[in-house]
Amino acid sequence: MSEIADITCREDCRYMLDVPTRWNDNDMLGHVNNVMYYSYFEAIVVRFLMKEGGLHWTDDQVAPLAVETLCKFRRPLSYPDIVEAGLRVAKLGTSSVTYAIGLFTEGAESPAALGHFVHVFVDKQSDRPAPIPDSIREMFKRYS
């Protein structure tokens, strides 16, 4: 089984984002469908990079590409929950970063789901790995 950088409680998170569930997130069993958890992961990672790192997806020469995601489900989420997503930078390489992510229901101390999301930064012209830009690297260090 793949290893997940652990987030055991809210205090392990360095960045938080509220993500409202939607009616159509639920499946026929009355809870959020498993594929939606990955969209919540993506929501916090993208917001984090744009707001904290100043990343401009279309303008920057070097951009992150998702290369791996993983989720462990602990408790179901359900509409109309507000998902309180949290992350921290778990591993920082030359061209890659691994985010540890926890999804919490409102006020819960332990995550309903936890996972990781790995980005590799690539040069958009060559489509080859490239060093993480210095300004973003420094931001990552603050959130590890």
C-alpha atoms as a PDB file:
ATOM      1  CA  MET A   1       0.000   0.000   0.000  1.00  0.00           C
ATOM      2  CA  SER A   2       1.265   3.474  -0.843  1.00  0.00           C
ATOM      3  CA  GLU A   3       2.538   5.562   1.996  1.00  0.00           C
ATOM      4  CA  ILE A   4       0.807   8.824   2.811  1.00  0.00           C
ATOM      5  CA  ALA A   5       2.499  11.703   4.550  1.00  0.00           C
ATOM      6  CA  ASP A   6       0.344  11.790   7.632  1.00  0.00           C
ATOM      7  CA  ILE A   7      -2.048  14.451   8.759  1.00  0.00           C
ATOM      8  CA  THR A   8      -3.585  13.187  11.958  1.00  0.00           C
ATOM      9  CA  CYS A   9      -5.274  16.397  13.105  1.00  0.00           C
ATOM     10  CA  ARG A  10      -5.931  19.995  12.076  1.00  0.00           C
ATOM     11  CA  GLU A  11      -2.759  21.196  13.793  1.00  0.00           C
ATOM     12  CA  ASP A  12      -0.724  19.231  11.229  1.00  0.00           C
ATOM     13  CA  CYS A  13      -2.079  21.506   8.474  1.00  0.00           C
ATOM     14  CA  ARG A  14      -0.306  24.728   7.496  1.00  0.00           C
ATOM     15  CA  TYR A  15      -2.954  25.980   5.041  1.00  0.00           C
ATOM     16  CA  MET A  16      -6.752  25.603   5.145  1.00  0.00           C
ATOM     17  CA  LEU A  17      -9.549  26.127   2.639  1.00  0.00           C
ATOM     18  CA  ASP A  18     -13.313  25.674   3.006  1.00  0.00           C
ATOM     19  CA  VAL A  19     -14.819  23.715   0.106  1.00  0.00           C
ATOM     20  CA  PRO A  20     -18.631  23.498   0.112  1.00  0.00           C
ATOM     21  CA  THR A  21     -20.090  20.221  -1.059  1.00  0.00           C
ATOM     22  CA  ARG A  22     -22.770  20.347  -3.719  1.00  0.00           C
ATOM     23  CA  TRP A  23     -25.960  18.337  -4.057  1.00  0.00           C
ATOM     24  CA  ASN A  24     -24.570  16.482  -7.068  1.00  0.00           C
ATOM     25  CA  ASP A  25     -21.412  15.458  -5.145  1.00  0.00           C
ATOM     26  CA  ASN A  26     -23.479  12.796  -3.376  1.00  0.00           C
ATOM     27  CA  ASP A  27     -23.960   9.354  -4.864  1.00  0.00           C
ATOM     28  CA  MET A  28     -26.968   7.054  -4.592  1.00  0.00           C
ATOM     29  CA  LEU A  29     -25.791   5.953  -1.132  1.00  0.00           C
ATOM     30  CA  GLY A  30     -26.181   9.501   0.186  1.00  0.00           C
ATOM     31  CA  HIS A  31     -22.538  10.362   0.658  1.00  0.00           C
ATOM     32  CA  VAL A  32     -19.928  12.149  -1.408  1.00  0.00           C
ATOM     33  CA  ASN A  33     -18.756   9.959  -4.274  1.00  0.00           C
ATOM     34  CA  ASN A  34     -15.121   8.902  -4.023  1.00  0.00           C
ATOM     35  CA  VAL A  35     -14.032  10.747  -7.183  1.00  0.00           C
ATOM     36  CA  MET A  36     -15.060  14.063  -5.600  1.00  0.00           C
ATOM     37  CA  TYR A  37     -12.412  13.744  -2.882  1.00  0.00           C
ATOM     38  CA  TYR A  38      -9.791  14.204  -5.588  1.00  0.00           C
ATOM     39  CA  SER A  39     -11.507  17.382  -6.772  1.00  0.00           C
ATOM     40  CA  TYR A  40     -11.311  18.704  -3.193  1.00  0.00           C
ATOM     41  CA  PHE A  41      -7.581  17.856  -3.178  1.00  0.00           C
ATOM     42  CA  GLU A  42      -7.138  19.726  -6.433  1.00  0.00           C
ATOM     43  CA  ALA A  43      -9.135  22.706  -5.137  1.00  0.00           C
ATOM     44  CA  ILE A  44      -6.868  23.283  -2.153  1.00  0.00           C
ATOM     45  CA  VAL A  45      -3.625  22.669  -4.065  1.00  0.00           C
ATOM     46  CA  VAL A  46      -4.536  25.026  -6.923  1.00  0.00           C
ATOM     47  CA  ARG A  47      -5.756  27.765  -4.562  1.00  0.00           C
ATOM     48  CA  PHE A  48      -2.636  27.357  -2.428  1.00  0.00           C
ATOM     49  CA  LEU A  49      -0.298  27.737  -5.418  1.00  0.00           C
ATOM     50  CA  MET A  50      -2.157  30.724  -6.824  1.00  0.00           C
ATOM     51  CA  LYS A  51      -2.740  32.650  -3.594  1.00  0.00           C
ATOM     52  CA  GLU A  52       0.370  31.814  -1.603  1.00  0.00           C
ATOM     53  CA  GLY A  53       2.859  31.094  -4.387  1.00  0.00           C
ATOM     54  CA  GLY A  54       1.704  33.639  -6.954  1.00  0.00           C
ATOM     55  CA  LEU A  55       1.668  30.973  -9.646  1.00  0.00           C
ATOM     56  CA  HIS A  56       0.246  32.032 -13.007  1.00  0.00           C
ATOM     57  CA  TRP A  57      -0.656  28.783 -14.760  1.00  0.00           C
ATOM     58  CA  THR A  58      -0.868  30.245 -18.257  1.00  0.00           C
ATOM     59  CA  ASP A  59       1.860  32.912 -18.071  1.00  0.00           C
ATOM     60  CA  ASP A  60       4.692  31.184 -16.194  1.00  0.00           C
ATOM     61  CA  GLN A  61       7.337  29.289 -18.185  1.00  0.00           C
ATOM     62  CA  VAL A  62       7.568  26.572 -15.522  1.00  0.00           C
ATOM     63  CA  ALA A  63       4.343  24.991 -14.300  1.00  0.00           C
ATOM     64  CA  PRO A  64       3.406  22.075 -12.039  1.00  0.00           C
ATOM     65  CA  LEU A  65       1.910  18.868 -13.425  1.00  0.00           C
ATOM     66  CA  ALA A  66       0.129  16.352 -11.209  1.00  0.00           C
ATOM     67  CA  VAL A  67       1.925  13.008 -11.335  1.00  0.00           C
ATOM     68  CA  GLU A  68       0.384  11.163  -8.388  1.00  0.00           C
ATOM     69  CA  THR A  69      -2.581  11.391  -6.065  1.00  0.00           C
ATOM     70  CA  LEU A  70      -3.689   9.044  -3.336  1.00  0.00           C
ATOM     71  CA  CYS A  71      -6.611   9.043  -0.927  1.00  0.00           C
ATOM     72  CA  LYS A  72      -7.458   7.045   2.180  1.00  0.00           C
ATOM     73  CA  PHE A  73     -11.094   7.248   3.198  1.00  0.00           C
ATOM     74  CA  ARG A  74     -11.867   7.194   6.931  1.00  0.00           C
ATOM     75  CA  ARG A  75     -15.407   8.551   7.240  1.00  0.00           C
ATOM     76  CA  PRO A  76     -17.914   9.584   4.602  1.00  0.00           C
ATOM     77  CA  LEU A  77     -18.569  13.188   3.722  1.00  0.00           C
ATOM     78  CA  SER A  78     -22.063  14.179   2.669  1.00  0.00           C
ATOM     79  CA  TYR A  79     -23.918  17.162   1.233  1.00  0.00           C
ATOM     80  CA  PRO A  80     -24.434  19.757   2.762  1.00  0.00           C
ATOM     81  CA  ASP A  81     -21.090  19.427   4.586  1.00  0.00           C
ATOM     82  CA  ILE A  82     -18.509  22.145   4.289  1.00  0.00           C
ATOM     83  CA  VAL A  83     -15.230  20.335   3.726  1.00  0.00           C
ATOM     84  CA  GLU A  84     -12.414  21.993   5.596  1.00  0.00           C
ATOM     85  CA  ALA A  85      -9.405  20.997   3.507  1.00  0.00           C
ATOM     86  CA  GLY A  86      -5.939  21.337   4.977  1.00  0.00           C
ATOM     87  CA  LEU A  87      -2.448  20.798   3.619  1.00  0.00           C
ATOM     88  CA  ARG A  88       1.185  21.017   4.404  1.00  0.00           C
ATOM     89  CA  VAL A  89       4.238  20.539   2.235  1.00  0.00           C
ATOM     90  CA  ALA A  90       5.432  17.052   3.136  1.00  0.00           C
ATOM     91  CA  LYS A  91       8.404  16.664   0.789  1.00  0.00           C
ATOM     92  CA  LEU A  92      10.306  19.150  -1.336  1.00  0.00           C
ATOM     93  CA  GLY A  93      12.666  18.077  -4.103  1.00  0.00           C
ATOM     94  CA  THR A  94      14.479  19.909  -6.874  1.00  0.00           C
ATOM     95  CA  SER A  95      11.555  19.784  -9.307  1.00  0.00           C
ATOM     96  CA  SER A  96       8.850  18.062  -7.272  1.00  0.00           C
ATOM     97  CA  VAL A  97       6.701  18.707  -4.233  1.00  0.00           C
ATOM     98  CA  THR A  98       4.444  16.394  -2.235  1.00  0.00           C
ATOM     99  CA  TYR A  99       1.501  17.888  -0.381  1.00  0.00           C
ATOM    100  CA  ALA A 100      -0.060  16.047   2.556  1.00  0.00           C
ATOM    101  CA  ILE A 101      -3.806  16.728   2.583  1.00  0.00           C
ATOM    102  CA  GLY A 102      -6.570  16.194   5.121  1.00  0.00           C
ATOM    103  CA  LEU A 103     -10.295  16.652   4.531  1.00  0.00           C
ATOM    104  CA  PHE A 104     -12.245  17.498   7.665  1.00  0.00           C
ATOM    105  CA  THR A 105     -15.922  17.917   8.422  1.00  0.00           C
ATOM    106  CA  GLU A 106     -16.751  21.170  10.195  1.00  0.00           C
ATOM    107  CA  GLY A 107     -15.198  21.239  13.634  1.00  0.00           C
ATOM    108  CA  ALA A 108     -13.832  17.663  13.534  1.00  0.00           C
ATOM    109  CA  GLU A 109     -10.288  17.228  14.793  1.00  0.00           C
ATOM    110  CA  SER A 110      -9.437  14.093  12.823  1.00  0.00           C
ATOM    111  CA  PRO A 111      -9.697  13.919   9.023  1.00  0.00           C
ATOM    112  CA  ALA A 112     -12.526  12.171   7.202  1.00  0.00           C
ATOM    113  CA  ALA A 113     -10.018  11.481   4.432  1.00  0.00           C
ATOM    114  CA  LEU A 114      -6.324  11.971   4.000  1.00  0.00           C
ATOM    115  CA  GLY A 115      -4.021  11.780   1.075  1.00  0.00           C
ATOM    116  CA  HIS A 116      -1.218  13.219  -0.900  1.00  0.00           C
ATOM    117  CA  PHE A 117      -0.804  15.060  -4.166  1.00  0.00           C
ATOM    118  CA  VAL A 118       2.505  15.198  -6.033  1.00  0.00           C
ATOM    119  CA  HIS A 119       3.454  17.900  -8.516  1.00  0.00           C
ATOM    120  CA  VAL A 120       6.486  17.899 -10.808  1.00  0.00           C
ATOM    121  CA  PHE A 121       7.398  21.296 -12.187  1.00  0.00           C
ATOM    122  CA  VAL A 122       8.107  21.222 -15.916  1.00  0.00           C
ATOM    123  CA  ASP A 123       9.385  23.633 -18.514  1.00  0.00           C
ATOM    124  CA  LYS A 124       6.340  24.233 -20.720  1.00  0.00           C
ATOM    125  CA  GLN A 125       8.379  24.382 -23.943  1.00  0.00           C
ATOM    126  CA  SER A 126      10.382  21.184 -23.464  1.00  0.00           C
ATOM    127  CA  ASP A 127       7.857  19.367 -21.250  1.00  0.00           C
ATOM    128  CA  ARG A 128      10.808  18.212 -19.120  1.00  0.00           C
ATOM    129  CA  PRO A 129      11.260  18.541 -15.346  1.00  0.00           C
ATOM    130  CA  ALA A 130      12.596  21.921 -14.288  1.00  0.00           C
ATOM    131  CA  PRO A 131      13.713  23.336 -10.947  1.00  0.00           C
ATOM    132  CA  ILE A 132      10.942  24.816  -8.817  1.00  0.00           C
ATOM    133  CA  PRO A 133      11.156  28.625  -9.148  1.00  0.00           C
ATOM    134  CA  ASP A 134      12.949  30.187  -6.167  1.00  0.00           C
ATOM    135  CA  SER A 135       9.987  32.285  -4.999  1.00  0.00           C
ATOM    136  CA  ILE A 136       7.694  29.242  -4.950  1.00  0.00           C
ATOM    137  CA  ARG A 137      10.376  27.089  -3.292  1.00  0.00           C
ATOM    138  CA  GLU A 138      10.695  29.644  -0.476  1.00  0.00           C
ATOM    139  CA  MET A 139       6.912  29.668  -0.052  1.00  0.00           C
ATOM    140  CA  PHE A 140       6.883  25.827   0.103  1.00  0.00           C
ATOM    141  CA  LYS A 141       9.460  25.931   2.908  1.00  0.00           C
ATOM    142  CA  ARG A 142       7.165  28.162   4.965  1.00  0.00           C
ATOM    143  CA  TYR A 143       4.357  25.598   4.704  1.00  0.00           C
ATOM    144  CA  SER A 144       6.353  22.471   5.536  1.00  0.00           C
END
